[in-house]
Protein backbone atom coordinates (compact mmCIF):
# COMPACT_ATOMS: atom_id res chain seq x y z
CA MET A 1 -44.24 76.77 -221.55
CA GLN A 2 -41.70 74.10 -222.00
CA PHE A 3 -38.81 73.75 -219.45
CA ARG A 4 -37.90 70.18 -220.41
CA THR A 5 -37.89 68.96 -224.24
CA ARG A 6 -36.85 65.95 -226.33
CA ALA A 7 -34.22 66.31 -228.98
CA SER A 8 -37.33 65.78 -231.06
CA LEU A 9 -36.87 65.20 -234.75
CA ALA A 10 -39.33 64.70 -236.57
CA THR A 11 -51.89 62.63 -244.97
CA ALA A 12 -54.24 65.16 -245.48
CA THR A 13 -54.84 62.86 -248.46
CA ALA A 14 -56.66 60.41 -246.86
CA ALA A 15 -58.76 62.72 -244.31
CA LEU A 16 -61.90 62.84 -246.95
CA LEU A 17 -61.59 58.97 -246.99
CA LEU A 18 -61.72 58.21 -243.15
CA ALA A 19 -63.72 61.40 -242.21
CA ALA A 20 -67.11 58.99 -242.49
CA VAL A 21 -65.50 56.59 -240.50
CA ALA A 22 -64.45 58.97 -237.66
CA GLY A 23 -67.11 61.17 -237.59
CA GLY A 24 -65.31 64.54 -237.82
CA THR A 25 -63.75 67.14 -240.10
CA PRO A 26 -60.11 68.41 -239.82
CA ALA A 27 -59.43 71.84 -238.43
CA GLY A 28 -59.74 74.73 -240.95
CA ALA A 29 -63.07 72.53 -242.84
CA ALA A 30 -65.52 72.97 -240.15
CA THR A 31 -68.41 74.97 -240.90
CA PRO A 32 -68.00 78.63 -240.12
CA GLY A 33 -70.01 79.54 -236.82
CA THR A 34 -70.18 75.68 -235.79
CA THR A 35 -70.33 75.35 -231.78
CA ALA A 36 -71.98 72.14 -231.59
CA SER A 37 -70.39 68.86 -230.18
CA GLY A 38 -71.71 66.62 -233.03
CA ALA A 39 -74.45 65.39 -231.05
CA ASN A 40 -78.26 65.56 -231.81
CA PRO A 41 -79.45 68.80 -230.51
CA THR A 42 -82.37 67.22 -228.44
CA ASP A 43 -79.46 65.11 -226.57
CA THR A 44 -78.83 67.03 -223.13
CA THR A 45 -78.95 64.37 -220.71
CA ALA A 46 -75.70 63.74 -218.58
CA THR A 47 -76.18 59.87 -218.50
CA GLY A 48 -75.85 58.53 -221.80
CA ALA A 49 -78.45 56.24 -221.14
CA GLY A 50 -80.41 55.52 -224.49
CA THR A 51 -78.55 58.84 -226.19
CA PRO A 52 -76.50 58.48 -229.21
CA ASP A 53 -72.60 59.09 -229.38
CA ALA A 54 -71.63 62.69 -230.33
CA PRO A 55 -68.63 62.31 -232.71
CA LEU A 56 -65.89 65.00 -232.62
CA ALA A 57 -66.68 68.09 -234.01
CA VAL A 58 -65.12 71.72 -233.46
CA ILE A 59 -65.52 73.85 -230.47
CA SER A 60 -63.01 76.53 -231.30
CA PRO A 61 -64.58 78.28 -234.24
CA GLY A 62 -63.48 81.60 -233.68
CA ASP A 63 -60.60 83.95 -232.53
CA PRO A 64 -61.14 85.90 -229.56
CA TYR A 65 -57.56 87.81 -229.83
CA ALA A 66 -57.69 88.40 -233.81
CA ALA A 67 -57.81 92.02 -232.92
CA CYS A 68 -55.00 92.28 -230.43
CA ASP A 69 -51.86 94.17 -231.18
CA LEU A 70 -48.76 91.87 -230.90
CA SER A 71 -46.41 94.36 -231.98
CA ALA A 72 -44.62 94.97 -228.49
CA ASP A 73 -44.97 91.20 -227.47
CA GLY A 74 -41.68 89.87 -228.93
CA ASP A 75 -40.54 88.18 -232.42
CA GLY A 76 -41.17 84.74 -233.32
CA THR A 77 -44.13 83.75 -235.80
CA ASN A 78 -47.43 83.90 -234.52
CA TYR A 79 -49.86 81.35 -236.11
CA PRO A 80 -53.59 83.19 -235.90
CA SER A 81 -56.31 81.35 -234.98
CA ALA A 82 -54.31 77.92 -233.85
CA GLU A 83 -55.56 76.48 -230.81
CA ASP A 84 -53.23 73.83 -229.00
CA GLU A 85 -53.01 71.97 -225.67
CA PRO A 86 -56.49 71.91 -224.58
CA TYR A 87 -57.50 70.56 -220.93
CA ALA A 88 -61.05 69.95 -219.93
CA ALA A 89 -63.19 69.47 -216.64
CA ALA A 90 -66.77 68.62 -216.29
CA ASN A 91 -69.00 69.99 -213.21
CA PRO A 92 -70.15 67.34 -210.83
CA LEU A 93 -73.42 69.25 -210.28
CA ALA A 94 -74.41 69.18 -214.01
CA PRO A 95 -72.04 67.03 -215.62
CA ALA A 96 -73.04 68.37 -219.18
CA ASN A 97 -71.65 71.66 -218.05
CA THR A 98 -67.86 71.46 -219.07
CA ILE A 99 -65.24 73.73 -219.78
CA THR A 100 -62.39 73.43 -222.29
CA ILE A 101 -59.12 75.69 -221.90
CA TYR A 102 -56.58 75.89 -224.52
CA GLN A 103 -53.94 77.85 -226.03
CA GLN A 104 -54.88 80.55 -228.50
CA ASP A 105 -52.92 81.99 -231.18
CA ARG A 106 -49.83 79.85 -230.84
CA TRP A 107 -46.38 81.32 -230.90
CA SER A 108 -43.22 79.80 -232.57
CA ASN A 109 -41.09 80.54 -229.93
CA GLY A 110 -43.27 79.76 -226.90
CA GLY A 111 -46.61 80.27 -225.36
CA ALA A 112 -49.62 81.99 -227.19
CA ARG A 113 -51.65 85.21 -227.52
CA GLY A 114 -53.52 84.02 -224.41
CA LEU A 115 -55.90 81.28 -223.10
CA SER A 116 -59.42 80.64 -224.69
CA SER A 117 -62.35 78.51 -223.14
CA SER A 118 -65.21 76.72 -224.83
CA TYR A 119 -67.67 76.16 -222.16
CA THR A 120 -70.91 74.35 -222.67
CA THR A 121 -74.17 73.99 -220.40
CA ASP A 122 -76.18 71.44 -222.26
CA GLY A 123 -73.09 69.15 -223.59
CA VAL A 124 -74.01 70.09 -226.92
CA HIS A 125 -73.27 73.74 -227.70
CA PHE A 126 -70.10 75.71 -227.05
CA THR A 127 -69.45 79.47 -226.48
CA GLN A 128 -65.74 80.52 -226.96
CA THR A 129 -64.47 83.19 -224.74
CA ALA A 130 -61.14 84.95 -224.04
CA LEU A 131 -59.46 83.93 -220.46
CA PRO A 132 -58.60 86.87 -218.38
CA PHE A 133 -54.28 86.13 -218.36
CA THR A 134 -52.57 88.61 -221.03
CA HIS A 135 -53.30 91.91 -222.18
CA CYS A 136 -54.90 90.82 -225.22
CA ALA A 137 -58.26 89.60 -222.85
CA PRO A 138 -60.30 92.17 -221.39
CA GLY A 139 -59.24 92.78 -217.65
CA GLY A 140 -56.49 90.37 -218.29
CA LEU A 141 -53.16 90.60 -216.35
CA ALA A 142 -50.55 92.70 -218.10
CA TYR A 143 -48.57 89.89 -219.68
CA GLN A 144 -47.72 89.41 -223.31
CA ARG A 145 -48.23 85.49 -223.55
CA ALA A 146 -49.73 82.50 -221.65
CA SER A 147 -49.53 78.59 -221.95
CA ASP A 148 -50.27 75.50 -219.98
CA GLY A 149 -54.02 76.00 -219.08
CA TRP A 150 -55.86 73.78 -216.79
CA VAL A 151 -58.89 73.76 -215.30
CA SER A 152 -61.34 71.67 -212.49
CA PHE A 153 -64.08 71.68 -211.12
CA GLY A 154 -64.96 71.47 -207.26
CA PRO A 155 -67.86 69.42 -205.61
CA ASP A 156 -69.86 72.49 -205.41
CA GLY A 157 -69.81 73.40 -209.17
CA THR A 158 -66.84 76.17 -208.91
CA ALA A 159 -64.22 76.26 -211.48
CA TYR A 160 -60.79 76.75 -211.10
CA ALA A 161 -58.53 78.06 -213.85
CA SER A 162 -54.54 77.71 -214.16
CA ALA A 163 -52.20 79.54 -216.56
CA LEU A 164 -48.61 80.23 -217.08
CA VAL A 165 -48.23 83.72 -218.09
CA PHE A 166 -45.02 85.42 -219.19
CA ASP A 167 -43.32 88.22 -221.25
CA ALA A 168 -41.08 87.38 -224.81
CA THR A 169 -39.35 90.89 -224.09
CA THR A 170 -38.70 90.98 -220.36
CA PRO A 171 -37.99 88.12 -218.20
CA ARG A 172 -41.16 88.39 -215.99
CA SER A 173 -43.21 85.41 -215.32
CA ALA A 174 -45.97 84.21 -212.89
CA VAL A 175 -48.53 81.23 -212.37
CA ALA A 176 -51.94 82.77 -212.45
CA ALA A 177 -55.26 81.66 -211.08
CA ALA A 178 -58.86 82.62 -211.89
CA THR A 179 -62.02 81.15 -210.51
CA SER A 180 -65.76 80.87 -212.49
CA THR A 181 -68.99 80.10 -210.27
CA ASP A 182 -71.29 80.62 -213.37
CA GLY A 183 -70.07 77.35 -215.28
CA GLY A 184 -67.46 79.11 -217.38
CA ARG A 185 -69.30 82.26 -218.47
CA SER A 186 -67.12 84.57 -216.38
CA TRP A 187 -64.01 84.57 -214.35
CA GLN A 188 -63.06 86.68 -210.96
CA HIS A 189 -60.58 86.30 -208.47
CA VAL A 190 -57.65 86.57 -211.22
CA THR A 191 -54.51 86.14 -208.93
CA GLU A 192 -50.94 85.69 -209.47
CA LEU A 193 -49.68 82.79 -207.10
CA ILE A 194 -46.16 83.52 -207.88
CA GLY A 195 -43.96 86.07 -210.11
CA ASP A 196 -40.59 86.35 -211.17
CA ASN A 197 -38.21 88.94 -212.75
CA ASP A 198 -34.90 86.70 -212.67
CA PRO A 199 -34.34 84.90 -216.25
CA ALA A 200 -32.57 82.19 -214.07
CA ILE A 201 -35.81 81.19 -212.33
CA THR A 202 -38.79 79.96 -214.18
CA ASP A 203 -42.01 78.37 -213.30
CA ASP A 204 -43.48 76.05 -215.73
CA LYS A 205 -45.87 72.86 -216.04
CA ASN A 206 -48.68 74.10 -213.93
CA ALA A 207 -51.98 72.25 -212.98
CA VAL A 208 -54.86 72.59 -210.62
CA THR A 209 -57.20 70.46 -209.05
CA ALA A 210 -60.27 70.98 -206.84
CA ASP A 211 -60.60 68.70 -204.04
CA PRO A 212 -63.63 66.45 -204.35
CA VAL A 213 -64.48 66.40 -200.99
CA HIS A 214 -64.00 70.03 -199.44
CA PRO A 215 -65.90 72.67 -201.62
CA GLY A 216 -63.82 75.66 -202.28
CA THR A 217 -60.49 73.90 -201.67
CA ALA A 218 -57.97 73.54 -204.71
CA TYR A 219 -54.10 72.74 -205.40
CA GLN A 220 -52.10 74.42 -207.96
CA VAL A 221 -48.84 72.50 -208.51
CA TRP A 222 -45.89 73.46 -210.86
CA ASP A 223 -42.20 72.96 -211.12
CA ARG A 224 -39.76 75.83 -210.55
CA VAL A 225 -36.42 75.98 -212.04
CA ASP A 226 -33.68 77.49 -210.57
CA GLN A 227 -30.47 77.89 -212.93
CA ALA A 228 -28.48 80.40 -210.90
CA ALA A 229 -25.02 80.40 -212.28
CA GLY A 230 -21.61 81.59 -210.13
CA PRO A 231 -18.50 80.07 -208.70
CA THR A 232 -20.88 77.02 -207.77
CA PRO A 233 -23.74 76.73 -210.16
CA VAL A 234 -26.90 75.82 -209.06
CA PHE A 235 -29.71 73.80 -210.52
CA ASP A 236 -32.85 72.81 -208.77
CA GLY A 237 -36.73 72.06 -210.05
CA PRO A 238 -38.59 71.12 -206.92
CA GLY A 239 -42.73 71.23 -207.37
CA TYR A 240 -44.36 74.27 -205.90
CA LEU A 241 -47.86 74.18 -204.29
CA SER A 242 -50.33 76.87 -203.66
CA VAL A 243 -53.93 76.17 -201.73
CA THR A 244 -57.07 78.11 -201.61
CA ARG A 245 -59.81 77.31 -198.99
CA ASP A 246 -61.91 79.96 -199.99
CA HIS A 247 -62.87 79.46 -203.54
CA GLY A 248 -59.94 81.22 -205.39
CA ARG A 249 -60.39 84.23 -203.22
CA THR A 250 -56.83 84.04 -202.02
CA TRP A 251 -54.16 81.35 -202.36
CA SER A 252 -51.35 80.47 -200.05
CA PRO A 253 -47.70 81.55 -200.45
CA ALA A 254 -46.40 79.06 -202.80
CA LYS A 255 -44.03 77.03 -201.42
CA PRO A 256 -41.73 73.69 -202.17
CA PHE A 257 -43.78 70.24 -201.81
CA VAL A 258 -41.62 67.98 -203.75
CA ILE A 259 -38.08 68.29 -202.69
CA THR A 260 -35.37 67.90 -205.24
CA ALA A 261 -32.43 69.26 -203.68
CA THR A 262 -31.63 66.15 -201.74
CA THR A 263 -30.61 64.70 -205.10
CA PRO A 264 -28.00 67.41 -206.70
CA ASN A 265 -29.29 68.57 -210.15
CA THR A 266 -32.61 67.34 -210.23
CA GLN A 267 -35.79 69.03 -211.37
CA THR A 268 -39.54 67.67 -211.69
CA ILE A 269 -41.92 68.47 -214.31
CA GLY A 270 -45.72 67.82 -215.10
CA ASN A 271 -46.87 67.56 -211.67
CA GLN A 272 -50.62 66.73 -211.50
CA ILE A 273 -52.61 65.92 -208.68
CA VAL A 274 -55.80 63.54 -208.50
CA VAL A 275 -57.73 62.84 -205.26
CA ASP A 276 -59.36 59.84 -204.02
CA PRO A 277 -62.88 60.83 -203.16
CA ARG A 278 -63.51 58.31 -200.68
CA THR A 279 -60.25 59.01 -198.66
CA ASP A 280 -59.42 62.60 -199.48
CA THR A 281 -56.19 61.03 -200.12
CA LEU A 282 -53.98 63.47 -202.83
CA TYR A 283 -51.30 61.83 -205.07
CA ASP A 284 -49.12 64.45 -207.01
CA PHE A 285 -47.58 62.52 -210.06
CA PHE A 286 -44.49 64.04 -211.70
CA ASP A 287 -41.62 63.48 -214.25
CA TRP A 288 -38.41 63.28 -211.80
CA ILE A 289 -35.06 64.33 -214.02
CA THR A 290 -31.70 64.01 -212.75
CA PHE A 291 -28.68 65.68 -214.42
CA THR A 292 -24.75 64.65 -214.41
CA ASP A 293 -24.08 68.14 -213.44
CA ALA A 294 -25.50 71.64 -213.31
CA THR A 295 -25.41 72.50 -216.89
CA ALA A 296 -28.50 70.25 -217.19
CA THR A 297 -27.04 68.91 -220.58
CA THR A 298 -26.88 65.26 -220.10
CA VAL A 299 -29.17 63.23 -217.78
CA SER A 300 -28.48 60.41 -215.63
CA ASP A 301 -31.96 59.56 -214.48
CA VAL A 302 -35.75 59.98 -215.78
CA HIS A 303 -38.20 58.70 -213.88
CA PHE A 304 -42.00 59.23 -213.34
CA GLY A 305 -42.85 59.36 -209.18
CA MET A 306 -45.66 60.00 -206.68
CA VAL A 307 -46.00 61.94 -203.61
CA SER A 308 -49.47 61.65 -201.20
CA SER A 309 -50.85 63.53 -198.39
CA THR A 310 -53.56 62.83 -196.00
CA ASP A 311 -54.21 66.26 -194.58
CA GLN A 312 -55.24 68.39 -197.50
CA GLY A 313 -51.69 69.03 -198.69
CA ARG A 314 -50.36 70.24 -195.45
CA THR A 315 -47.65 67.42 -195.30
CA TRP A 316 -46.42 65.17 -197.52
CA SER A 317 -44.55 61.67 -198.12
CA GLN A 318 -41.26 60.88 -199.91
CA PRO A 319 -41.33 60.57 -203.43
CA VAL A 320 -42.36 56.65 -204.48
CA ARG A 321 -40.53 55.52 -207.90
CA VAL A 322 -43.64 54.39 -210.32
CA ALA A 323 -42.07 53.77 -213.38
CA ALA A 324 -39.19 54.44 -215.63
CA ASP A 325 -39.65 57.09 -218.36
CA THR A 326 -38.31 55.51 -221.56
CA SER A 327 -39.57 57.81 -224.12
CA VAL A 328 -37.36 58.44 -226.90
CA PRO A 329 -37.08 61.22 -229.54
CA GLU A 330 -40.48 61.96 -231.32
CA VAL A 331 -39.64 61.84 -234.70
CA HIS A 332 -41.01 61.41 -237.93
CA PRO A 333 -40.45 58.08 -238.91
CA ASN A 334 -39.70 58.32 -242.44
CA ALA A 335 -37.31 61.42 -241.77
CA PRO A 336 -35.89 61.18 -238.62
CA THR A 337 -33.17 63.34 -238.82
CA ASP A 338 -35.20 66.16 -240.91
CA ALA A 339 -35.40 69.16 -238.26
CA THR A 340 -37.92 70.87 -240.13
CA LYS A 341 -40.10 67.51 -239.74
CA SER A 342 -39.58 67.32 -235.90
CA LEU A 343 -42.30 66.76 -233.55
CA ARG A 344 -43.60 67.68 -230.25
CA ALA A 345 -46.04 65.52 -228.36
CA GLY A 346 -46.21 64.14 -224.89
CA ALA A 347 -43.11 62.62 -224.02
CA GLY A 348 -42.14 62.67 -220.42
CA LEU A 349 -45.32 64.07 -219.07
CA PRO A 350 -47.66 61.49 -217.12
CA SER A 351 -51.72 61.58 -217.73
CA VAL A 352 -53.10 59.89 -214.40
CA ALA A 353 -56.34 58.85 -213.33
CA ILE A 354 -58.00 57.18 -210.19
CA ASP A 355 -60.75 54.88 -209.89
CA PRO A 356 -63.65 56.64 -207.87
CA GLN A 357 -64.89 53.26 -206.52
CA THR A 358 -61.83 51.42 -205.66
CA GLY A 359 -58.95 53.89 -205.53
CA GLU A 360 -56.96 52.37 -207.91
CA LEU A 361 -54.26 54.54 -209.64
CA TYR A 362 -53.82 54.55 -213.45
CA LEU A 363 -50.85 56.26 -215.01
CA ALA A 364 -50.47 56.51 -218.78
CA TYR A 365 -47.55 57.65 -220.55
CA GLU A 366 -45.11 57.22 -223.86
CA GLY A 367 -42.49 54.63 -223.44
CA SER A 368 -40.38 52.56 -225.67
CA GLU A 369 -40.00 49.41 -223.53
CA SER A 370 -42.15 47.55 -226.10
CA THR A 371 -40.26 48.69 -229.20
CA GLY A 372 -36.78 47.92 -227.72
CA GLY A 373 -36.28 51.54 -227.68
CA ARG A 374 -36.93 52.37 -231.48
CA TYR A 375 -40.11 54.25 -230.97
CA ASP A 376 -42.87 55.37 -228.68
CA ALA A 377 -45.87 53.70 -227.81
CA ILE A 378 -48.44 53.93 -225.04
CA GLN A 379 -47.68 52.38 -221.61
CA LEU A 380 -49.84 52.02 -218.68
CA VAL A 381 -49.07 51.10 -215.26
CA HIS A 382 -51.45 50.78 -211.68
CA SER A 383 -51.49 50.50 -208.23
CA THR A 384 -54.04 48.89 -206.14
CA ASP A 385 -52.40 49.55 -202.89
CA GLY A 386 -52.16 53.75 -202.89
CA GLY A 387 -49.19 53.70 -205.08
CA ARG A 388 -46.95 51.57 -202.57
CA THR A 389 -46.35 49.24 -205.52
CA TRP A 390 -47.02 49.32 -209.23
CA SER A 391 -47.66 46.88 -211.98
CA ALA A 392 -45.15 46.43 -215.07
CA PRO A 393 -45.32 48.46 -217.99
CA THR A 394 -47.98 47.39 -220.33
CA ARG A 395 -48.20 48.65 -224.01
CA ILE A 396 -52.14 49.04 -224.63
CA ASN A 397 -52.17 50.89 -228.24
CA GLN A 398 -53.29 48.65 -230.87
CA ALA A 399 -50.96 49.06 -233.67
CA PRO A 400 -47.55 47.42 -232.58
CA GLY A 401 -45.45 48.94 -235.59
CA ALA A 402 -46.82 52.32 -235.06
CA PRO A 403 -45.27 55.16 -232.93
CA ALA A 404 -47.97 56.62 -230.61
CA PHE A 405 -48.08 59.76 -228.66
CA THR A 406 -49.79 61.93 -226.01
CA PRO A 407 -51.97 59.60 -223.98
CA SER A 408 -54.72 60.92 -222.07
CA ILE A 409 -56.36 58.71 -219.31
CA THR A 410 -59.74 59.09 -217.40
CA VAL A 411 -61.91 56.51 -215.43
CA THR A 412 -65.77 57.09 -215.50
CA ALA A 413 -68.12 55.67 -212.29
CA ASP A 414 -68.35 52.01 -213.15
CA GLY A 415 -64.85 51.44 -213.45
CA THR A 416 -64.18 51.67 -217.04
CA VAL A 417 -60.88 53.04 -217.99
CA ALA A 418 -60.14 54.88 -221.22
CA VAL A 419 -57.23 56.33 -223.00
CA SER A 420 -57.03 58.80 -225.73
CA TYR A 421 -53.65 59.28 -228.27
CA TYR A 422 -52.64 59.60 -231.52
CA ASP A 423 -50.81 57.13 -233.41
CA LEU A 424 -48.74 56.81 -237.11
CA ARG A 425 -50.60 53.68 -238.49
CA TYR A 426 -51.33 55.48 -241.85
CA LEU A 427 -47.90 56.48 -242.60
CA THR A 428 -46.86 54.14 -245.87
CA PRO A 429 -43.25 53.57 -246.55
CA GLY A 430 -41.28 56.47 -248.37
CA ASP A 431 -43.76 59.07 -247.45
CA THR A 432 -41.53 62.21 -246.12
CA THR A 433 -43.70 65.17 -247.15
CA THR A 434 -46.86 64.31 -245.09
CA LEU A 435 -47.10 62.89 -241.86
CA PRO A 436 -50.89 61.21 -241.90
CA THR A 437 -52.15 61.29 -238.00
CA ALA A 438 -55.42 59.75 -236.43
CA ALA A 439 -56.66 60.11 -232.88
CA TRP A 440 -58.04 56.93 -231.10
CA LEU A 441 -59.66 55.96 -228.03
CA LEU A 442 -59.09 52.79 -225.95
CA SER A 443 -61.26 51.40 -223.36
CA PHE A 444 -61.43 48.39 -221.04
CA PRO A 445 -63.61 47.74 -217.98
CA ARG A 446 -61.78 47.46 -214.45
CA GLY A 447 -59.70 44.56 -214.38
CA GLY A 448 -59.75 44.24 -218.12
CA GLU A 449 -56.56 45.89 -219.30
CA ASN A 450 -55.64 42.88 -221.12
CA SER A 451 -58.32 42.83 -223.63
CA PRO A 452 -59.10 46.53 -224.55
CA VAL A 453 -61.11 48.12 -227.42
CA GLU A 454 -59.71 50.59 -229.70
CA ARG A 455 -61.84 53.00 -231.53
CA GLN A 456 -60.96 55.70 -234.03
CA ILE A 457 -62.35 59.08 -233.24
CA SER A 458 -60.75 61.43 -235.55
CA PRO A 459 -60.18 61.47 -239.48
CA VAL A 460 -56.67 61.40 -240.65
CA PHE A 461 -54.75 64.61 -240.69
CA ASP A 462 -51.53 65.85 -241.76
CA TRP A 463 -49.50 66.80 -238.30
CA LEU A 464 -46.92 68.38 -240.57
CA LYS A 465 -49.72 71.32 -241.16
CA ALA A 466 -49.73 72.10 -237.31
CA PRO A 467 -47.79 75.25 -235.98
CA PHE A 468 -43.98 74.78 -235.75
CA ALA A 469 -43.07 75.52 -231.74
CA GLY A 470 -40.04 73.29 -231.16
CA GLY A 471 -41.50 70.66 -233.44
CA HIS A 472 -44.99 70.62 -235.14
CA PHE A 473 -47.11 71.39 -231.93
CA LEU A 474 -50.33 70.01 -231.28
CA GLY A 475 -49.99 70.39 -227.45
CA ASP A 476 -47.97 68.65 -224.69
CA TYR A 477 -51.23 67.39 -223.40
CA GLU A 478 -54.63 66.91 -224.62
CA ALA A 479 -57.71 66.25 -222.64
CA LEU A 480 -59.95 63.02 -221.74
CA ILE A 481 -62.62 63.31 -218.95
CA THR A 482 -65.91 61.83 -217.98
CA ASP A 483 -69.34 63.71 -218.54
CA GLY A 484 -71.68 62.35 -216.44
CA HIS A 485 -71.34 58.27 -217.48
CA ARG A 486 -69.82 58.92 -220.76
CA ILE A 487 -66.70 59.62 -222.09
CA ARG A 488 -65.58 63.13 -223.86
CA PRO A 489 -62.33 63.25 -225.62
CA VAL A 490 -61.09 66.78 -226.38
CA LEU A 491 -57.84 66.92 -228.69
CA VAL A 492 -56.48 69.14 -231.59
CA THR A 493 -56.30 68.21 -234.95
CA ALA A 494 -54.61 70.05 -238.00
CA GLY A 495 -55.79 71.42 -241.52
CA ALA A 496 -54.38 72.89 -244.61
CA ASP A 497 -55.52 76.49 -243.58
CA PRO A 498 -52.70 78.46 -242.69
CA LEU A 499 -54.63 81.03 -241.25
CA ASN A 500 -56.57 78.35 -238.82
CA SER A 501 -53.92 75.88 -239.25
CA THR A 502 -55.33 73.71 -235.54
CA ASP A 503 -58.75 73.63 -234.22
CA VAL A 504 -59.71 71.80 -230.69
CA TYR A 505 -62.60 68.94 -231.23
CA SER A 506 -64.70 67.44 -228.88
CA GLY A 507 -67.32 64.39 -228.47
CA ARG A 508 -69.11 62.02 -226.01
CA PHE A 509 -69.05 58.35 -226.06
CA ARG A 510 -71.00 56.03 -224.16
CA PRO A 511 -68.71 52.98 -222.59
CA ASP A 512 -70.72 50.52 -223.80
CA THR A 513 -70.47 51.50 -227.67
CA LEU A 514 -66.52 51.19 -226.94
CA ARG A 515 -66.90 47.45 -226.18
CA SER A 516 -66.76 46.51 -229.70
CA PRO A 517 -64.27 47.44 -232.52
CA ALA A 518 -65.10 50.15 -234.70
CA ALA A 519 -65.97 49.12 -238.18
CA GLY A 520 -63.41 49.76 -240.62
CA ALA A 521 -60.35 49.55 -238.58
CA PRO A 522 -57.12 49.70 -240.38
CA THR A 523 -54.39 47.14 -241.04
CA ASP A 524 -51.07 48.57 -239.51
CA GLN A 525 -48.82 49.87 -241.94
CA ALA A 526 -46.41 51.66 -240.31
CA ALA A 527 -44.59 48.50 -239.22
CA ARG A 528 -43.46 48.36 -242.69
CA THR A 529 -41.86 51.75 -242.66
CA GLY A 530 -38.40 50.77 -241.83
CA ALA A 531 -37.94 53.31 -239.15
CA PRO A 532 -34.38 53.27 -237.68
CA ALA A 533 -34.21 52.99 -233.76
CA ALA A 534 -34.79 56.65 -232.33
CA GLY A 535 -31.41 56.09 -229.73
CA PRO A 536 -31.50 57.62 -226.49
CA ARG A 537 -33.51 61.03 -225.90
CA ALA A 538 -31.48 64.30 -225.08
CA VAL A 539 -33.57 65.96 -222.24
CA GLN A 540 -33.68 69.52 -221.74
CA HIS A 541 -35.30 71.18 -218.52
CA LEU A 542 -37.06 73.97 -220.55
CA ARG A 543 -40.64 73.30 -222.11
CA ARG A 544 -42.01 76.42 -222.75
C-alpha cells in the first residue's frame, strides 16, 4: 500500500543472451509447475559448505486466486498471475525452511487480490499457498484487497505474517496478523490489529519482526496517517506498534510509538524493526517526512530516522537522524517525461540489517548524493555504536553511470554483508521503447565496504512489462535473507506474457562464491544515455 509516492516518471531482447550468465529465466518463461529453487535436488543442507550455488528460479508458478470473483471488488485493472513485492524469512531452527510472502494478482489502483506464500522445508522445493487475508482465500478476512506482506520467524520456529487489508469500494482498512507453527503450511490466529472506516485515516507500510531472544514475542509496526479536514486541518503520521507475547494468539492495543505531533505536518513511513540478539535492543527505522503545511503537497525535510527500545518495546528513545533521504524521481532515463514509462521502486524506504555478532547497524537506501542529484544510486550508512552516530553515505553499486533501485540488505553469521538491487546499465542511448533491467548481488566481509564484489543474479528483463500501478511496479521492496550461512535473494522480474507479467524468483549463494567478480560482468553503458538531471522529488504521503 502506498501512502508516500514520488512523482515518478518513468530489454527483453537481451534476456536470452544473458540467461546463461545469470542462471535464470524471465517471468512467464518458466517451465509449467516448476517449484524448485534451481539447486540440485539433493542439496538440502543449510550450512552451504561444499554445496553448489542455486541460481534464481521461479517460486510462484501458479495463481491460488485464479477462480476468485472480483466483480464486486472495485474498478481498476487487475493483472492476473502478477506477483509483486516479496518479503521472506528463514526458520532459525531449520534454516532450509523459508517462507516468502508476496502480492498476488496486482491491481493498477492499489493492492492485490490477496497475498500468496511460497514455503520450502528443504530449501529447494516450494509450495505455493493462499494466505487468509482477503475474501479470495479460504477462511480469509472479508476484505477485497491486500498489500504489504511481511513475515518473520521467532527463535522457536513460529512464523508471524503481516498484511495491509482494505476495500476499494468502501473506506474500510486494517492491519492484520497471522501465525504459522508448521513452517508455512497453515496459518492461524488471523487478527485485525487495528481497523478503520474513516477515509481521512489510513494505515500503511506495515512490517513484523519476531524477537530473536524471547519465544512467542513479535512486534508489528506501521505508519498511521490522519488527514482530517476542518477549520484547522490536521496532518499527522506517527509510527504505530502492536506486540504479541503469546505466539500471536493476542496482540496489544495498537498505539503510537514514533511520535510526529511535536513537528507539525509530519509523518513516518517504512517503519521496520531489527533486534540485536546479544542485548535484545530493538531498533526501528523509518523515513521521516515533514510537509510545509497540512495539505501535504510540499516537503520541507525528508530524512531517515531511528528510535530504540531496551525493554521489548514498552518504552522508546527520541528519534535520531540517520541520513538525508536524497532520492529523486525514478524515471526511464531516455524518456523521463513520458508518464506511460514511469517507474515505481523503493525510493524513500529504508532496508536495514544488523550484524548478529557485533551489533553493527546497516541502512541501505536509494540516494542521489553521488550523482549530484541526477539519479538514484544505492547508498549505504552504518553505525558501530548502537545508532548514536552514523558514517557518511557511500555509493556501493558498481556501475557509476547507471540508475539503481530498491536495495535489500542482510548480514550473515560470519559478518558478510550482502545487498541486492536492480540497475539499468544495459540501457543503450536512444532506447525509449524498452527498459532493460537486471538484478545484482553485492557483498563484502565485515569492515570491507570499500572493496565489495558485485555479481549479476538475474537475466536482463524489460521493466516496462511489469504491471502499471503508480508506475511500472515490481515492488516497493524485495527480499534478501540469510538461509543458514548462505544468502538468499528473493525478487521479481517481468516477462512478455500479459497473463503472467511478473513472477517471484529465489536462489541461494555461498558467501565465498561472492568474493570474486562474476564472469562476463558487463561494462557500463548507461553512463552514455545522457539522462537529464531528475530534479527535486515531489513527495506525496500515500503509497498503496
